Protein backbone atom coordinates (compact mmCIF):
# COMPACT_ATOMS: atom_id res chain seq x y z
CA MET A 1 -0.20 -0.11 -0.06
CA GLU A 2 2.90 2.42 0.45
CA LYS A 3 3.94 1.93 -3.11
CA LEU A 4 0.40 2.91 -4.35
CA LYS A 5 0.64 6.41 -1.81
CA TYR A 6 4.24 7.32 -3.37
CA ILE A 7 2.49 7.00 -6.90
CA ILE A 8 -0.58 8.70 -6.06
CA ASN A 9 1.57 11.22 -4.45
CA GLU A 10 3.71 11.58 -7.48
CA LEU A 11 0.98 12.13 -9.81
CA ASN A 12 -0.66 15.00 -7.44
CA ASN A 13 2.84 16.75 -7.84
CA ILE A 14 2.52 17.19 -11.40
CA LYS A 15 0.89 20.23 -12.19
CA PRO A 16 -1.35 20.03 -15.12
CA SER A 17 -0.48 22.88 -17.85
CA ASN A 18 -3.77 21.83 -19.96
CA LYS A 19 -6.95 19.72 -20.01
CA TYR A 20 -5.22 16.76 -21.56
CA VAL A 21 -2.62 16.64 -18.62
CA SER A 22 -5.66 16.67 -15.95
CA GLU A 23 -7.28 14.08 -17.79
CA ALA A 24 -4.04 11.71 -18.15
CA ILE A 25 -3.51 12.44 -14.02
CA ILE A 26 -7.00 11.24 -13.39
CA GLU A 27 -6.66 8.17 -16.10
CA ARG A 28 -3.21 7.17 -14.53
CA LYS A 29 -4.75 7.29 -10.91
CA GLN A 30 -7.76 5.30 -11.75
CA TYR A 31 -5.32 2.68 -13.47
CA TYR A 32 -2.97 2.66 -10.33
CA ASN A 33 -5.88 2.09 -7.79
CA ASP A 34 -6.92 -0.70 -10.30
CA THR A 35 -3.99 -2.64 -10.66
CA ALA A 36 -2.48 -2.16 -7.43
CA HIS A 37 -2.16 -5.81 -6.66
CA MET A 38 0.15 -5.90 -9.53
CA LEU A 39 2.80 -3.82 -7.39
CA GLU A 40 3.71 -6.38 -5.26
CA ASN A 41 5.59 -7.53 -8.31
CA VAL A 42 7.67 -4.13 -8.50
CA THR A 43 10.26 -2.87 -6.26
CA GLU A 44 10.52 0.46 -4.41
CA LYS A 45 13.37 1.29 -6.55
CA GLN A 46 11.64 0.96 -9.75
CA ILE A 47 8.90 2.93 -8.82
CA LYS A 48 11.06 5.58 -7.46
CA ASP A 49 13.34 5.44 -10.70
CA PHE A 50 10.20 5.94 -13.11
CA CYS A 51 9.37 9.11 -14.48
CA PHE A 52 5.67 9.29 -13.64
CA LEU A 53 5.69 12.98 -15.89
CA SER A 54 6.84 10.94 -18.67
CA GLU A 55 4.27 8.88 -18.69
CA VAL A 56 1.26 11.08 -17.86
CA LEU A 57 2.71 13.58 -20.78
CA ARG A 58 2.49 10.49 -23.51
CA LYS A 59 -1.16 9.69 -22.12
CA ALA A 60 -1.98 13.33 -22.47
CA GLU A 61 -0.73 13.19 -26.10
CA ILE A 62 -2.81 10.28 -27.13
CA LEU A 63 -5.48 12.16 -25.57
CA GLU A 64 -5.06 15.10 -27.27
CA LYS A 65 -4.84 13.17 -30.66
CA GLN A 66 -7.94 11.58 -30.03
CA LYS A 67 -9.84 14.85 -30.62
CA PHE A 68 -8.12 15.21 -34.51
CA TYR A 69 -9.05 11.79 -35.76
CA LYS A 70 -12.79 12.88 -35.63
CA ILE A 71 -11.83 16.48 -37.21
CA LEU A 72 -9.70 14.62 -39.95
CA PHE A 73 -12.30 11.95 -40.53
CA ASP A 74 -15.14 14.53 -41.04
CA LYS A 75 -13.03 16.42 -43.36
CA ALA A 76 -11.58 13.56 -45.67
CA ILE A 77 -12.69 13.44 -49.08
CA LYS A 78 -11.80 10.27 -50.58
CA LEU A 79 -8.91 7.79 -50.25
CA GLU A 80 -6.85 7.15 -53.33
CA THR A 81 -5.59 3.64 -53.65
CA HIS A 82 -3.16 1.85 -55.99
CA GLN A 83 -3.55 -1.80 -55.96
CA ASN A 84 -0.20 -2.43 -57.46
CA ALA A 85 1.74 0.26 -55.63
CA PRO A 86 -0.32 0.28 -52.26
CA GLU A 87 2.78 3.04 -51.31
CA LEU A 88 1.43 5.52 -53.46
CA ASN A 89 -1.75 5.48 -51.68
CA CYS A 90 -2.93 9.15 -50.24
CA ILE A 91 -5.89 10.92 -48.74
CA HIS A 92 -7.64 13.70 -50.23
CA PHE A 93 -8.72 16.77 -47.94
CA LYS A 94 -10.61 19.55 -49.60
CA ARG A 95 -7.18 21.90 -50.20
CA ARG A 96 -4.55 18.95 -49.78
CA LYS A 97 -3.50 15.45 -50.45
CA ILE A 98 -1.29 13.59 -47.86
CA ASP A 99 0.36 10.46 -48.81
CA THR A 100 -0.66 7.31 -46.62
CA PRO A 101 1.29 4.27 -47.86
CA LYS A 102 -0.17 1.08 -47.62
CA ALA A 103 -3.55 2.55 -46.00
CA THR A 104 -6.43 0.76 -47.69
CA THR A 105 -9.23 2.30 -45.76
CA ILE A 106 -10.00 6.07 -44.73
CA THR A 107 -9.65 4.89 -41.25
CA ASP A 108 -6.36 3.59 -41.60
CA ALA A 109 -4.95 6.49 -43.36
CA ILE A 110 -6.10 9.05 -40.79
CA SER A 111 -4.52 6.69 -37.89
CA GLN A 112 -1.51 6.66 -40.09
CA ILE A 113 -1.41 10.56 -39.94
CA ILE A 114 -2.14 10.90 -36.49
CA SER A 115 0.39 8.66 -35.46
CA ASN A 116 3.37 9.70 -37.61
CA THR A 117 2.44 13.76 -36.82
CA SER A 118 3.54 15.74 -34.10
CA LEU A 119 0.73 17.65 -32.20
CA THR A 120 1.83 21.27 -33.45
CA CYS A 121 2.04 19.81 -37.15
CA LEU A 122 -1.51 18.65 -36.41
CA ASN A 123 -2.82 21.74 -34.97
CA GLY A 124 -1.08 23.38 -38.06
CA PHE A 125 -2.89 21.16 -40.74
CA ILE A 126 -6.33 21.32 -38.87
CA TYR A 127 -6.06 25.07 -39.18
CA GLU A 128 -5.17 24.94 -43.20
CA LEU A 129 -8.19 22.67 -43.48
CA ASN A 130 -10.54 25.08 -42.01
């Protein structure tokens, strides 16, 4: 139980910089509370050496990128596929075309864009589409 208290305290010490970080902190607290029994297999040194801030920031980035999925899906016009050259596949938007090699559905293409693009670039891209 001391390990769980330490983890929760570490998470409480993180200052949220935006709503996604706040949501990530809440989600991580819930995760650790739900899986407290698994902490028996983890040493105190491992817990103290772990960077909870990095974990929260990774989760916050995932949460923030999820908002882009719906926006891109709604703005997608079509997926251009090439049966004999899938590396040439691309997705079309109103003012732009983006290469999405080997994507066979719009869902695949958008997932590929989101996973391979930084948040800054995604924000710029969404701004460009509006």
